[in-house]
Amino acid sequence: MAETSAIPMVTDWTITGSIHFEKLLGIDYYNKIIDDLLTNGVTPIVTLYHFDLPQALEDQGGWLSEAIIDSFDKYAWFCFSTFGDRVKHWITINEPNMLALVAYELGAFPPGVPQVGTKVYQAAHNLIKAHARSWHSYDSLFRKEQKGMVSLSIFAGWVEPADPNSVSDQEATKRAIAFQLDFFAKPIFIDGDYPEVVKSQVALMSKKQGYPSSRLPEFTEEEKKMIRGTADFFAVQYYTTRLVKYQESKKGELGFLQDAEVKETYNNPVIYITENGFPLDEAPSFDDTQRWECFRQTFQELLKDSLKVLHAASAGADRSSDEAKAPPSCLKSEEES
């Protein structure tokens, strides 16, 4: 049967975080799913980590501990070696930018303890290095035989200035993009380091708040070389567009939120839209014309860009967004931030 579509799927890390996976019943489960998908002409795009950290590793510091880099690499190695003969598209980490923010800044994800202003950067730092390490493992040990591709997926809700004529709003919008998208994309796709605007902004705010040095960790030159170029495609996840309005920062406030185009910036990479959805205030009816129209417009815009040599390889709809409390708009939400 000819290949007809692609579908994202997620593997689960063991509860203990152990690397001794051989006897786990889950292996048979994933093998069956992968085989069934391929039999029916569906390409699996497998995500290794989607926010479900083993408790044993959380007890050791979770993403705040550098030890997790080695643990994740071993887990990735096992998945590559076990499923890589059939899986050719890998996502190492789902939305690391949202994970760092929501887990370690806002406390809405485990470990559920807000640690405003510092831990978000520490977690992000380790997430980037864990991804890069696992990419190198695939590149050196599996790529030649398996001929697959590895990346990570970045949440990238688009932002535009609330007042297009306001220079302050325009600059705030650029900073928002730098902190949300470029924070992870630039090190991995460009040069192994954070955007200059991010480094300077965090350093400035850290100084105002009395820190002896920037709250943003630095990559060593060796780490920059290790991180640079560790993605084979650009996986992006988006839901809506928001409007950005400049606000004066207050000296006493700190944190990622206060510190605050793929095609041109990242050398026209192959782009996979690995997650997308349509939010509704009410449960959808059987006559779901709003969602149909939303995706029609989305694909229409993708086709327009593809004529400009934009590589839009696939789009994945996330049904978990169907009941999200947000305005019923596929492409834009009139919000200020």
C-alpha atoms as a PDB file:
ATOM      1  CA  MET A   1       0.000   0.000   0.000  1.00  0.00           C
ATOM      2  CA  ALA A   2       1.315   3.423  -0.896  1.00  0.00           C
ATOM      3  CA  GLU A   3       2.174   5.847   1.874  1.00  0.00           C
ATOM      4  CA  THR A   4      -0.805   8.124   2.489  1.00  0.00           C
ATOM      5  CA  SER A   5      -0.094  10.144   5.625  1.00  0.00           C
ATOM      6  CA  ALA A   6       1.962  10.603   8.762  1.00  0.00           C
ATOM      7  CA  ILE A   7       0.901  10.417  12.387  1.00  0.00           C
ATOM      8  CA  PRO A   8       2.676  11.530  15.575  1.00  0.00           C
ATOM      9  CA  MET A   9       3.014   9.008  18.405  1.00  0.00           C
ATOM     10  CA  VAL A  10       4.765   9.086  21.764  1.00  0.00           C
ATOM     11  CA  THR A  11       6.819   6.507  23.636  1.00  0.00           C
ATOM     12  CA  ASP A  12       6.791   6.542  27.436  1.00  0.00           C
ATOM     13  CA  TRP A  13       9.901   6.543  29.576  1.00  0.00           C
ATOM     14  CA  THR A  14       9.788   3.829  32.243  1.00  0.00           C
ATOM     15  CA  ILE A  15       8.533   4.877  35.680  1.00  0.00           C
ATOM     16  CA  THR A  16      11.893   4.094  37.263  1.00  0.00           C
ATOM     17  CA  GLY A  17      13.946   5.730  34.531  1.00  0.00           C
ATOM     18  CA  SER A  18      15.820   2.449  34.167  1.00  0.00           C
ATOM     19  CA  ILE A  19      17.798   1.665  31.050  1.00  0.00           C
ATOM     20  CA  HIS A  20      17.011  -2.062  31.384  1.00  0.00           C
ATOM     21  CA  PHE A  21      14.109  -2.135  28.942  1.00  0.00           C
ATOM     22  CA  GLU A  22      14.400  -5.603  27.424  1.00  0.00           C
ATOM     23  CA  LYS A  23      11.635  -7.244  29.480  1.00  0.00           C
ATOM     24  CA  LEU A  24       9.118  -4.420  29.317  1.00  0.00           C
ATOM     25  CA  LEU A  25       5.731  -5.400  27.909  1.00  0.00           C
ATOM     26  CA  GLY A  26       5.389  -1.920  26.432  1.00  0.00           C
ATOM     27  CA  ILE A  27       7.915  -2.827  23.755  1.00  0.00           C
ATOM     28  CA  ASP A  28       5.504  -5.316  22.195  1.00  0.00           C
ATOM     29  CA  TYR A  29       2.771  -2.683  22.357  1.00  0.00           C
ATOM     30  CA  TYR A  30       4.814  -0.090  20.478  1.00  0.00           C
ATOM     31  CA  ASN A  31       6.035  -2.651  17.972  1.00  0.00           C
ATOM     32  CA  LYS A  32       2.439  -3.547  17.153  1.00  0.00           C
ATOM     33  CA  ILE A  33       1.411   0.093  16.727  1.00  0.00           C
ATOM     34  CA  ILE A  34       4.371   0.838  14.468  1.00  0.00           C
ATOM     35  CA  ASP A  35       3.830  -2.274  12.365  1.00  0.00           C
ATOM     36  CA  ASP A  36       0.091  -1.609  12.019  1.00  0.00           C
ATOM     37  CA  LEU A  37       0.708   1.980  10.943  1.00  0.00           C
ATOM     38  CA  LEU A  38       3.213   0.958   8.297  1.00  0.00           C
ATOM     39  CA  THR A  39       0.948  -1.827   7.038  1.00  0.00           C
ATOM     40  CA  ASN A  40      -1.757   0.767   6.467  1.00  0.00           C
ATOM     41  CA  GLY A  41       0.526   3.211   4.700  1.00  0.00           C
ATOM     42  CA  VAL A  42       0.935   5.614   7.622  1.00  0.00           C
ATOM     43  CA  THR A  43       4.366   6.975   8.547  1.00  0.00           C
ATOM     44  CA  PRO A  44       4.976   7.115  12.317  1.00  0.00           C
ATOM     45  CA  ILE A  45       6.633  10.250  13.676  1.00  0.00           C
ATOM     46  CA  VAL A  46       7.773   9.177  17.131  1.00  0.00           C
ATOM     47  CA  THR A  47       8.289  11.554  20.054  1.00  0.00           C
ATOM     48  CA  LEU A  48      10.573  10.241  22.782  1.00  0.00           C
ATOM     49  CA  TYR A  49       9.631  12.675  25.531  1.00  0.00           C
ATOM     50  CA  HIS A  50       6.302  14.456  26.025  1.00  0.00           C
ATOM     51  CA  PHE A  51       6.407  15.826  29.594  1.00  0.00           C
ATOM     52  CA  ASP A  52       6.254  12.417  31.370  1.00  0.00           C
ATOM     53  CA  LEU A  53       9.468  12.349  33.409  1.00  0.00           C
ATOM     54  CA  PRO A  54      10.083   9.185  35.467  1.00  0.00           C
ATOM     55  CA  GLN A  55       9.654   9.884  39.179  1.00  0.00           C
ATOM     56  CA  ALA A  56      13.048   8.380  39.953  1.00  0.00           C
ATOM     57  CA  LEU A  57      14.718  10.988  37.748  1.00  0.00           C
ATOM     58  CA  GLU A  58      12.523  13.760  39.154  1.00  0.00           C
ATOM     59  CA  ASP A  59      13.733  12.779  42.616  1.00  0.00           C
ATOM     60  CA  GLN A  60      17.297  13.320  41.377  1.00  0.00           C
ATOM     61  CA  GLY A  61      16.548  16.852  40.219  1.00  0.00           C
ATOM     62  CA  GLY A  62      14.731  16.236  36.946  1.00  0.00           C
ATOM     63  CA  TRP A  63      15.651  18.648  34.170  1.00  0.00           C
ATOM     64  CA  LEU A  64      17.492  20.838  36.659  1.00  0.00           C
ATOM     65  CA  SER A  65      20.196  18.187  36.985  1.00  0.00           C
ATOM     66  CA  GLU A  66      22.869  17.666  34.336  1.00  0.00           C
ATOM     67  CA  ALA A  67      22.728  13.950  35.137  1.00  0.00           C
ATOM     68  CA  ILE A  68      19.498  13.724  33.168  1.00  0.00           C
ATOM     69  CA  ILE A  69      21.394  14.379  29.925  1.00  0.00           C
ATOM     70  CA  ASP A  70      23.090  10.994  30.110  1.00  0.00           C
ATOM     71  CA  SER A  71      19.873   9.270  31.234  1.00  0.00           C
ATOM     72  CA  PHE A  72      17.925  10.693  28.310  1.00  0.00           C
ATOM     73  CA  ASP A  73      20.651   9.739  25.851  1.00  0.00           C
ATOM     74  CA  LYS A  74      20.517   6.125  27.033  1.00  0.00           C
ATOM     75  CA  TYR A  75      16.728   6.096  26.718  1.00  0.00           C
ATOM     76  CA  ALA A  76      16.936   7.567  23.210  1.00  0.00           C
ATOM     77  CA  TRP A  77      19.620   5.038  22.250  1.00  0.00           C
ATOM     78  CA  PHE A  78      17.347   2.183  23.292  1.00  0.00           C
ATOM     79  CA  CYS A  79      14.422   3.515  21.258  1.00  0.00           C
ATOM     80  CA  PHE A  80      16.609   4.081  18.203  1.00  0.00           C
ATOM     81  CA  SER A  81      18.019   0.558  18.425  1.00  0.00           C
ATOM     82  CA  THR A  82      14.638  -1.091  19.085  1.00  0.00           C
ATOM     83  CA  PHE A  83      12.314   0.756  16.709  1.00  0.00           C
ATOM     84  CA  GLY A  84      14.643   2.533  14.295  1.00  0.00           C
ATOM     85  CA  ASP A  85      14.542  -0.207  11.676  1.00  0.00           C
ATOM     86  CA  ARG A  86      10.971   1.002  10.965  1.00  0.00           C
ATOM     87  CA  VAL A  87      10.756   4.503  12.452  1.00  0.00           C
ATOM     88  CA  LYS A  88      12.461   7.110  10.254  1.00  0.00           C
ATOM     89  CA  HIS A  89      11.201  10.332  11.850  1.00  0.00           C
ATOM     90  CA  TRP A  90      12.106  11.081  15.458  1.00  0.00           C
ATOM     91  CA  ILE A  91      11.223  13.958  17.791  1.00  0.00           C
ATOM     92  CA  THR A  92      13.490  13.878  20.823  1.00  0.00           C
ATOM     93  CA  ILE A  93      11.623  16.348  23.064  1.00  0.00           C
ATOM     94  CA  ASN A  94       8.171  17.839  22.657  1.00  0.00           C
ATOM     95  CA  GLU A  95       7.976  21.611  23.175  1.00  0.00           C
ATOM     96  CA  PRO A  96      11.030  22.066  25.418  1.00  0.00           C
ATOM     97  CA  ASN A  97      10.309  25.801  25.575  1.00  0.00           C
ATOM     98  CA  MET A  98       6.849  25.194  27.032  1.00  0.00           C
ATOM     99  CA  LEU A  99       8.134  22.467  29.343  1.00  0.00           C
ATOM    100  CA  ALA A 100      10.792  24.713  30.880  1.00  0.00           C
ATOM    101  CA  LEU A 101       8.355  27.599  31.279  1.00  0.00           C
ATOM    102  CA  VAL A 102       5.285  25.764  32.556  1.00  0.00           C
ATOM    103  CA  ALA A 103       7.107  23.265  34.781  1.00  0.00           C
ATOM    104  CA  TYR A 104       9.865  25.398  36.265  1.00  0.00           C
ATOM    105  CA  GLU A 105       8.549  28.963  36.034  1.00  0.00           C
ATOM    106  CA  LEU A 106       4.775  28.639  36.439  1.00  0.00           C
ATOM    107  CA  GLY A 107       4.679  25.325  38.294  1.00  0.00           C
ATOM    108  CA  ALA A 108       1.670  24.006  36.344  1.00  0.00           C
ATOM    109  CA  PHE A 109       3.537  20.871  35.196  1.00  0.00           C
ATOM    110  CA  PRO A 110       5.482  18.522  37.507  1.00  0.00           C
ATOM    111  CA  PRO A 111       7.354  19.093  39.751  1.00  0.00           C
ATOM    112  CA  GLY A 112       4.645  21.718  40.337  1.00  0.00           C
ATOM    113  CA  VAL A 113       6.728  24.127  42.397  1.00  0.00           C
ATOM    114  CA  PRO A 114       7.178  27.563  40.784  1.00  0.00           C
ATOM    115  CA  GLN A 115      10.802  28.693  40.923  1.00  0.00           C
ATOM    116  CA  VAL A 116      10.491  32.067  39.294  1.00  0.00           C
ATOM    117  CA  GLY A 117      13.341  33.576  37.335  1.00  0.00           C
ATOM    118  CA  THR A 118      16.135  31.025  37.577  1.00  0.00           C
ATOM    119  CA  LYS A 119      15.190  27.379  37.156  1.00  0.00           C
ATOM    120  CA  VAL A 120      13.457  27.924  33.824  1.00  0.00           C
ATOM    121  CA  TYR A 121      16.821  28.744  32.232  1.00  0.00           C
ATOM    122  CA  GLN A 122      18.618  25.902  33.970  1.00  0.00           C
ATOM    123  CA  ALA A 123      16.036  23.399  32.726  1.00  0.00           C
ATOM    124  CA  ALA A 124      16.103  24.821  29.195  1.00  0.00           C
ATOM    125  CA  HIS A 125      19.896  24.592  29.170  1.00  0.00           C
ATOM    126  CA  ASN A 126      19.791  20.886  30.015  1.00  0.00           C
ATOM    127  CA  LEU A 127      16.953  20.187  27.582  1.00  0.00           C
ATOM    128  CA  ILE A 128      19.000  21.599  24.711  1.00  0.00           C
ATOM    129  CA  LYS A 129      22.056  19.566  25.659  1.00  0.00           C
ATOM    130  CA  ALA A 130      20.015  16.381  26.101  1.00  0.00           C
ATOM    131  CA  HIS A 131      18.522  16.784  22.642  1.00  0.00           C
ATOM    132  CA  ALA A 132      21.911  17.447  21.075  1.00  0.00           C
ATOM    133  CA  ARG A 133      23.517  14.454  22.772  1.00  0.00           C
ATOM    134  CA  SER A 134      20.798  12.080  21.563  1.00  0.00           C
ATOM    135  CA  TRP A 135      21.014  13.516  18.021  1.00  0.00           C
ATOM    136  CA  HIS A 136      24.726  12.737  17.968  1.00  0.00           C
ATOM    137  CA  SER A 137      24.047   9.210  19.211  1.00  0.00           C
ATOM    138  CA  TYR A 138      21.701   8.644  16.300  1.00  0.00           C
ATOM    139  CA  ASP A 139      24.064  10.294  13.849  1.00  0.00           C
ATOM    140  CA  SER A 140      27.087   8.240  14.851  1.00  0.00           C
ATOM    141  CA  LEU A 141      25.476   4.887  15.649  1.00  0.00           C
ATOM    142  CA  PHE A 142      22.275   4.525  13.632  1.00  0.00           C
ATOM    143  CA  ARG A 143      21.951   6.971  10.750  1.00  0.00           C
ATOM    144  CA  LYS A 144      24.062   5.089   8.216  1.00  0.00           C
ATOM    145  CA  GLU A 145      21.994   1.920   8.519  1.00  0.00           C
ATOM    146  CA  GLN A 146      18.549   3.273   9.445  1.00  0.00           C
ATOM    147  CA  LYS A 147      18.602   6.425   7.283  1.00  0.00           C
ATOM    148  CA  GLY A 148      16.213   8.337   9.531  1.00  0.00           C
ATOM    149  CA  MET A 149      15.874  11.940  10.678  1.00  0.00           C
ATOM    150  CA  VAL A 150      15.924  13.455  14.175  1.00  0.00           C
ATOM    151  CA  SER A 151      14.770  16.812  15.493  1.00  0.00           C
ATOM    152  CA  LEU A 152      12.845  18.347  18.388  1.00  0.00           C
ATOM    153  CA  SER A 153       9.482  20.112  18.218  1.00  0.00           C
ATOM    154  CA  ILE A 154       9.226  23.754  19.289  1.00  0.00           C
ATOM    155  CA  PHE A 155       6.035  25.524  20.276  1.00  0.00           C
ATOM    156  CA  ALA A 156       5.883  28.636  18.113  1.00  0.00           C
ATOM    157  CA  GLY A 157       2.646  30.533  18.420  1.00  0.00           C
ATOM    158  CA  TRP A 158       3.166  33.547  16.185  1.00  0.00           C
ATOM    159  CA  VAL A 159       3.159  37.095  17.572  1.00  0.00           C
ATOM    160  CA  GLU A 160       2.639  40.484  15.953  1.00  0.00           C
ATOM    161  CA  PRO A 161       2.776  44.040  17.348  1.00  0.00           C
ATOM    162  CA  ALA A 162      -0.505  45.224  18.870  1.00  0.00           C
ATOM    163  CA  ASP A 163       0.147  48.583  17.219  1.00  0.00           C
ATOM    164  CA  PRO A 164       1.992  48.069  13.917  1.00  0.00           C
ATOM    165  CA  ASN A 165       3.042  51.729  13.994  1.00  0.00           C
ATOM    166  CA  SER A 166       4.549  51.548  17.489  1.00  0.00           C
ATOM    167  CA  VAL A 167       8.326  51.060  17.538  1.00  0.00           C
ATOM    168  CA  SER A 168       8.089  49.851  21.151  1.00  0.00           C
ATOM    169  CA  ASP A 169       5.532  47.195  20.211  1.00  0.00           C
ATOM    170  CA  GLN A 170       7.643  46.156  17.228  1.00  0.00           C
ATOM    171  CA  GLU A 171      10.733  45.710  19.400  1.00  0.00           C
ATOM    172  CA  ALA A 172       8.718  43.858  22.056  1.00  0.00           C
ATOM    173  CA  THR A 173       7.472  41.504  19.357  1.00  0.00           C
ATOM    174  CA  LYS A 174      11.024  40.744  18.239  1.00  0.00           C
ATOM    175  CA  ARG A 175      11.985  39.967  21.840  1.00  0.00           C
ATOM    176  CA  ALA A 176       8.943  37.715  22.223  1.00  0.00           C
ATOM    177  CA  ILE A 177       9.979  35.705  19.167  1.00  0.00           C
ATOM    178  CA  ALA A 178      13.556  35.516  20.426  1.00  0.00           C
ATOM    179  CA  PHE A 179      12.511  34.167  23.817  1.00  0.00           C
ATOM    180  CA  GLN A 180       9.876  31.755  22.504  1.00  0.00           C
ATOM    181  CA  LEU A 181      11.208  30.371  19.223  1.00  0.00           C
ATOM    182  CA  ASP A 182      14.804  31.488  18.718  1.00  0.00           C
ATOM    183  CA  PHE A 183      15.820  30.559  22.276  1.00  0.00           C
ATOM    184  CA  PHE A 184      15.855  26.887  21.219  1.00  0.00           C
ATOM    185  CA  ALA A 185      16.039  27.145  17.436  1.00  0.00           C
ATOM    186  CA  LYS A 186      19.114  29.376  17.131  1.00  0.00           C
ATOM    187  CA  PRO A 187      21.477  27.163  19.171  1.00  0.00           C
ATOM    188  CA  ILE A 188      20.357  24.045  17.339  1.00  0.00           C
ATOM    189  CA  PHE A 189      19.996  25.335  13.774  1.00  0.00           C
ATOM    190  CA  ILE A 190      22.485  28.207  13.592  1.00  0.00           C
ATOM    191  CA  ASP A 191      25.468  28.528  15.904  1.00  0.00           C
ATOM    192  CA  GLY A 192      25.102  26.616  19.172  1.00  0.00           C
ATOM    193  CA  ASP A 193      24.311  29.676  21.287  1.00  0.00           C
ATOM    194  CA  TYR A 194      21.356  31.709  22.520  1.00  0.00           C
ATOM    195  CA  PRO A 195      20.183  34.842  20.672  1.00  0.00           C
ATOM    196  CA  GLU A 196      22.107  37.971  21.626  1.00  0.00           C
ATOM    197  CA  VAL A 197      18.906  39.804  22.572  1.00  0.00           C
ATOM    198  CA  VAL A 198      18.079  37.026  25.044  1.00  0.00           C
ATOM    199  CA  LYS A 199      21.544  37.044  26.590  1.00  0.00           C
ATOM    200  CA  SER A 200      21.644  40.818  26.926  1.00  0.00           C
ATOM    201  CA  GLN A 201      18.083  41.110  28.255  1.00  0.00           C
ATOM    202  CA  VAL A 202      18.500  38.414  30.909  1.00  0.00           C
ATOM    203  CA  ALA A 203      21.876  39.838  31.933  1.00  0.00           C
ATOM    204  CA  LEU A 204      20.373  43.323  32.251  1.00  0.00           C
ATOM    205  CA  MET A 205      17.410  42.137  34.308  1.00  0.00           C
ATOM    206  CA  SER A 206      19.641  39.948  36.471  1.00  0.00           C
ATOM    207  CA  LYS A 207      21.869  42.923  37.274  1.00  0.00           C
ATOM    208  CA  LYS A 208      18.851  45.070  38.192  1.00  0.00           C
ATOM    209  CA  GLN A 209      17.639  42.332  40.503  1.00  0.00           C
ATOM    210  CA  GLY A 210      20.966  42.067  42.315  1.00  0.00           C
ATOM    211  CA  TYR A 211      22.281  38.817  40.895  1.00  0.00           C
ATOM    212  CA  PRO A 212      26.092  38.583  40.703  1.00  0.00           C
ATOM    213  CA  SER A 213      25.838  37.149  37.179  1.00  0.00           C
ATOM    214  CA  SER A 214      23.235  36.428  34.541  1.00  0.00           C
ATOM    215  CA  ARG A 215      20.511  33.940  35.398  1.00  0.00           C
ATOM    216  CA  LEU A 216      20.989  32.460  31.927  1.00  0.00           C
ATOM    217  CA  PRO A 217      23.716  29.766  31.917  1.00  0.00           C
ATOM    218  CA  GLU A 218      26.422  29.925  29.271  1.00  0.00           C
ATOM    219  CA  PHE A 219      27.424  27.207  26.837  1.00  0.00           C
ATOM    220  CA  THR A 220      31.110  26.378  26.633  1.00  0.00           C
ATOM    221  CA  GLU A 221      32.755  26.537  23.221  1.00  0.00           C
ATOM    222  CA  GLU A 222      32.821  22.743  23.160  1.00  0.00           C
ATOM    223  CA  GLU A 223      29.106  22.614  23.966  1.00  0.00           C
ATOM    224  CA  LYS A 224      28.330  25.113  21.205  1.00  0.00           C
ATOM    225  CA  LYS A 225      30.057  22.858  18.682  1.00  0.00           C
ATOM    226  CA  MET A 226      28.161  19.863  20.060  1.00  0.00           C
ATOM    227  CA  ILE A 227      24.763  21.621  19.842  1.00  0.00           C
ATOM    228  CA  ARG A 228      25.105  23.377  16.474  1.00  0.00           C
ATOM    229  CA  GLY A 229      23.389  21.597  13.571  1.00  0.00           C
ATOM    230  CA  THR A 230      21.642  18.919  15.616  1.00  0.00           C
ATOM    231  CA  ALA A 231      18.344  18.809  13.699  1.00  0.00           C
ATOM    232  CA  ASP A 232      17.452  17.223  10.375  1.00  0.00           C
ATOM    233  CA  PHE A 233      14.167  19.097   9.950  1.00  0.00           C
ATOM    234  CA  PHE A 234      12.273  21.918  11.649  1.00  0.00           C
ATOM    235  CA  ALA A 235       9.315  20.647  13.717  1.00  0.00           C
ATOM    236  CA  VAL A 236       6.950  23.412  14.767  1.00  0.00           C
ATOM    237  CA  GLN A 237       3.715  23.407  16.769  1.00  0.00           C
ATOM    238  CA  TYR A 238       1.319  26.325  16.606  1.00  0.00           C
ATOM    239  CA  TYR A 239      -2.273  27.146  17.462  1.00  0.00           C
ATOM    240  CA  THR A 240      -2.854  30.859  17.220  1.00  0.00           C
ATOM    241  CA  THR A 241      -1.336  34.305  16.789  1.00  0.00           C
ATOM    242  CA  ARG A 242      -1.172  36.831  19.627  1.00  0.00           C
ATOM    243  CA  LEU A 243      -0.643  40.557  19.694  1.00  0.00           C
ATOM    244  CA  VAL A 244       2.265  41.946  21.708  1.00  0.00           C
ATOM    245  CA  LYS A 245       2.139  45.271  23.528  1.00  0.00           C
ATOM    246  CA  TYR A 246       5.187  46.807  25.181  1.00  0.00           C
ATOM    247  CA  GLN A 247       5.092  47.150  28.966  1.00  0.00           C
ATOM    248  CA  GLU A 248       7.660  48.704  31.258  1.00  0.00           C
ATOM    249  CA  SER A 249       9.455  46.111  33.387  1.00  0.00           C
ATOM    250  CA  LYS A 250       9.411  46.574  37.126  1.00  0.00           C
ATOM    251  CA  LYS A 251      12.709  46.222  38.932  1.00  0.00           C
ATOM    252  CA  GLY A 252      11.317  43.870  41.552  1.00  0.00           C
ATOM    253  CA  GLU A 253       9.754  41.486  39.060  1.00  0.00           C
ATOM    254  CA  LEU A 254      11.800  38.737  37.525  1.00  0.00           C
ATOM    255  CA  GLY A 255      11.285  35.697  35.423  1.00  0.00           C
ATOM    256  CA  PHE A 256      11.151  34.354  31.923  1.00  0.00           C
ATOM    257  CA  LEU A 257       7.901  36.152  31.144  1.00  0.00           C
ATOM    258  CA  GLN A 258       9.357  39.499  32.145  1.00  0.00           C
ATOM    259  CA  ASP A 259      12.599  38.898  30.260  1.00  0.00           C
ATOM    260  CA  ALA A 260      10.721  38.756  27.640  1.00  0.00           C
ATOM    261  CA  GLU A 261      10.726  33.448  10.337  1.00  0.00           C
ATOM    262  CA  VAL A 262      11.691  30.133  10.176  1.00  0.00           C
ATOM    263  CA  LYS A 263      12.162  30.180   6.386  1.00  0.00           C
ATOM    264  CA  GLU A 264      14.560  33.128   6.211  1.00  0.00           C
ATOM    265  CA  THR A 265      16.218  32.779   9.608  1.00  0.00           C
ATOM    266  CA  TYR A 266      16.902  29.051   9.519  1.00  0.00           C
ATOM    267  CA  ASN A 267      17.966  28.579   5.897  1.00  0.00           C
ATOM    268  CA  ASN A 268      14.694  27.201   4.514  1.00  0.00           C
ATOM    269  CA  PRO A 269      14.668  23.873   6.368  1.00  0.00           C
ATOM    270  CA  VAL A 270      12.184  21.074   5.795  1.00  0.00           C
ATOM    271  CA  ILE A 271       9.320  21.966   8.144  1.00  0.00           C
ATOM    272  CA  TYR A 272       6.994  19.516   9.864  1.00  0.00           C
ATOM    273  CA  ILE A 273       3.928  20.942  11.593  1.00  0.00           C
ATOM    274  CA  THR A 274       3.828  18.279  14.285  1.00  0.00           C
ATOM    275  CA  GLU A 275       0.971  19.707  16.327  1.00  0.00           C
ATOM    276  CA  ASN A 276      -1.907  22.024  15.539  1.00  0.00           C
ATOM    277  CA  GLY A 277      -5.513  22.324  16.629  1.00  0.00           C
ATOM    278  CA  PHE A 278      -8.731  24.255  16.708  1.00  0.00           C
ATOM    279  CA  PRO A 279      -9.956  25.607  20.088  1.00  0.00           C
ATOM    280  CA  LEU A 280     -13.651  25.870  20.860  1.00  0.00           C
ATOM    281  CA  ASP A 281     -15.518  27.273  23.848  1.00  0.00           C
ATOM    282  CA  GLU A 282     -18.219  24.649  23.374  1.00  0.00           C
ATOM    283  CA  ALA A 283     -18.134  20.970  22.466  1.00  0.00           C
ATOM    284  CA  PRO A 284     -18.087  20.520  18.676  1.00  0.00           C
ATOM    285  CA  SER A 285     -21.254  19.400  16.912  1.00  0.00           C
ATOM    286  CA  PHE A 286     -21.470  16.733  14.252  1.00  0.00           C
ATOM    287  CA  ASP A 287     -21.770  19.531  11.704  1.00  0.00           C
ATOM    288  CA  ASP A 288     -18.253  20.726  12.459  1.00  0.00           C
ATOM    289  CA  THR A 289     -17.931  23.327   9.707  1.00  0.00           C
ATOM    290  CA  GLN A 290     -15.839  25.737  11.793  1.00  0.00           C
ATOM    291  CA  ARG A 291     -13.018  23.250  12.211  1.00  0.00           C
ATOM    292  CA  TRP A 292     -13.215  22.236   8.566  1.00  0.00           C
ATOM    293  CA  GLU A 293     -12.928  25.878   7.503  1.00  0.00           C
ATOM    294  CA  CYS A 294     -10.035  26.423   9.913  1.00  0.00           C
ATOM    295  CA  PHE A 295      -7.977  23.613   8.427  1.00  0.00           C
ATOM    296  CA  ARG A 296      -8.958  24.605   4.897  1.00  0.00           C
ATOM    297  CA  GLN A 297      -7.498  28.066   5.515  1.00  0.00           C
ATOM    298  CA  THR A 298      -4.425  26.584   7.161  1.00  0.00           C
ATOM    299  CA  PHE A 299      -3.621  24.277   4.252  1.00  0.00           C
ATOM    300  CA  GLN A 300      -4.363  27.068   1.814  1.00  0.00           C
ATOM    301  CA  GLU A 301      -1.708  29.236   3.464  1.00  0.00           C
ATOM    302  CA  LEU A 302       0.748  26.329   3.534  1.00  0.00           C
ATOM    303  CA  LEU A 303       0.255  25.782  -0.180  1.00  0.00           C
ATOM    304  CA  LYS A 304       0.848  29.477  -0.844  1.00  0.00           C
ATOM    305  CA  ASP A 305       4.152  29.332   0.988  1.00  0.00           C
ATOM    306  CA  SER A 306       5.166  26.097  -0.687  1.00  0.00           C
ATOM    307  CA  LEU A 307       5.087  27.979  -3.975  1.00  0.00           C
ATOM    308  CA  LYS A 308       7.783  30.201  -2.451  1.00  0.00           C
ATOM    309  CA  VAL A 309       9.995  27.159  -1.854  1.00  0.00           C
ATOM    310  CA  LEU A 310       8.902  26.733   1.740  1.00  0.00           C
ATOM    311  CA  HIS A 311       9.190  23.069   2.659  1.00  0.00           C
ATOM    312  CA  ALA A 312       5.991  22.274   4.564  1.00  0.00           C
ATOM    313  CA  ALA A 313       6.238  18.521   4.874  1.00  0.00           C
ATOM    314  CA  SER A 314       3.248  17.588   7.016  1.00  0.00           C
ATOM    315  CA  ALA A 315       0.662  18.832   9.436  1.00  0.00           C
ATOM    316  CA  GLY A 316      -0.607  17.021  12.514  1.00  0.00           C
ATOM    317  CA  ALA A 317      -3.871  17.975  14.199  1.00  0.00           C
ATOM    318  CA  ASP A 318      -3.965  17.650  17.970  1.00  0.00           C
ATOM    319  CA  ARG A 319      -7.413  16.714  19.208  1.00  0.00           C
ATOM    320  CA  SER A 320      -6.416  17.582  22.772  1.00  0.00           C
ATOM    321  CA  SER A 321      -6.881  21.194  21.761  1.00  0.00           C
ATOM    322  CA  ASP A 322     -10.515  20.690  20.781  1.00  0.00           C
ATOM    323  CA  GLU A 323     -11.807  21.558  24.236  1.00  0.00           C
ATOM    324  CA  ALA A 324      -9.281  24.251  25.046  1.00  0.00           C
ATOM    325  CA  LYS A 325     -10.768  27.451  26.447  1.00  0.00           C
ATOM    326  CA  ALA A 326      -9.723  29.895  23.784  1.00  0.00           C
ATOM    327  CA  PRO A 327     -11.400  32.013  21.118  1.00  0.00           C
ATOM    328  CA  PRO A 328     -12.780  29.919  18.222  1.00  0.00           C
ATOM    329  CA  SER A 329     -10.175  31.057  15.731  1.00  0.00           C
ATOM    330  CA  CYS A 330      -7.695  28.867  13.936  1.00  0.00           C
ATOM    331  CA  LEU A 331      -5.180  31.522  12.999  1.00  0.00           C
ATOM    332  CA  LYS A 332      -5.438  34.575  15.244  1.00  0.00           C
ATOM    333  CA  SER A 333      -6.492  35.520  18.750  1.00  0.00           C
ATOM    334  CA  GLU A 334      -6.760  39.206  19.606  1.00  0.00           C
ATOM    335  CA  GLU A 335      -4.790  39.062  22.832  1.00  0.00           C
ATOM    336  CA  GLU A 336      -2.208  41.415  24.248  1.00  0.00           C
ATOM    337  CA  SER A 337       0.799  40.248  26.203  1.00  0.00           C
END
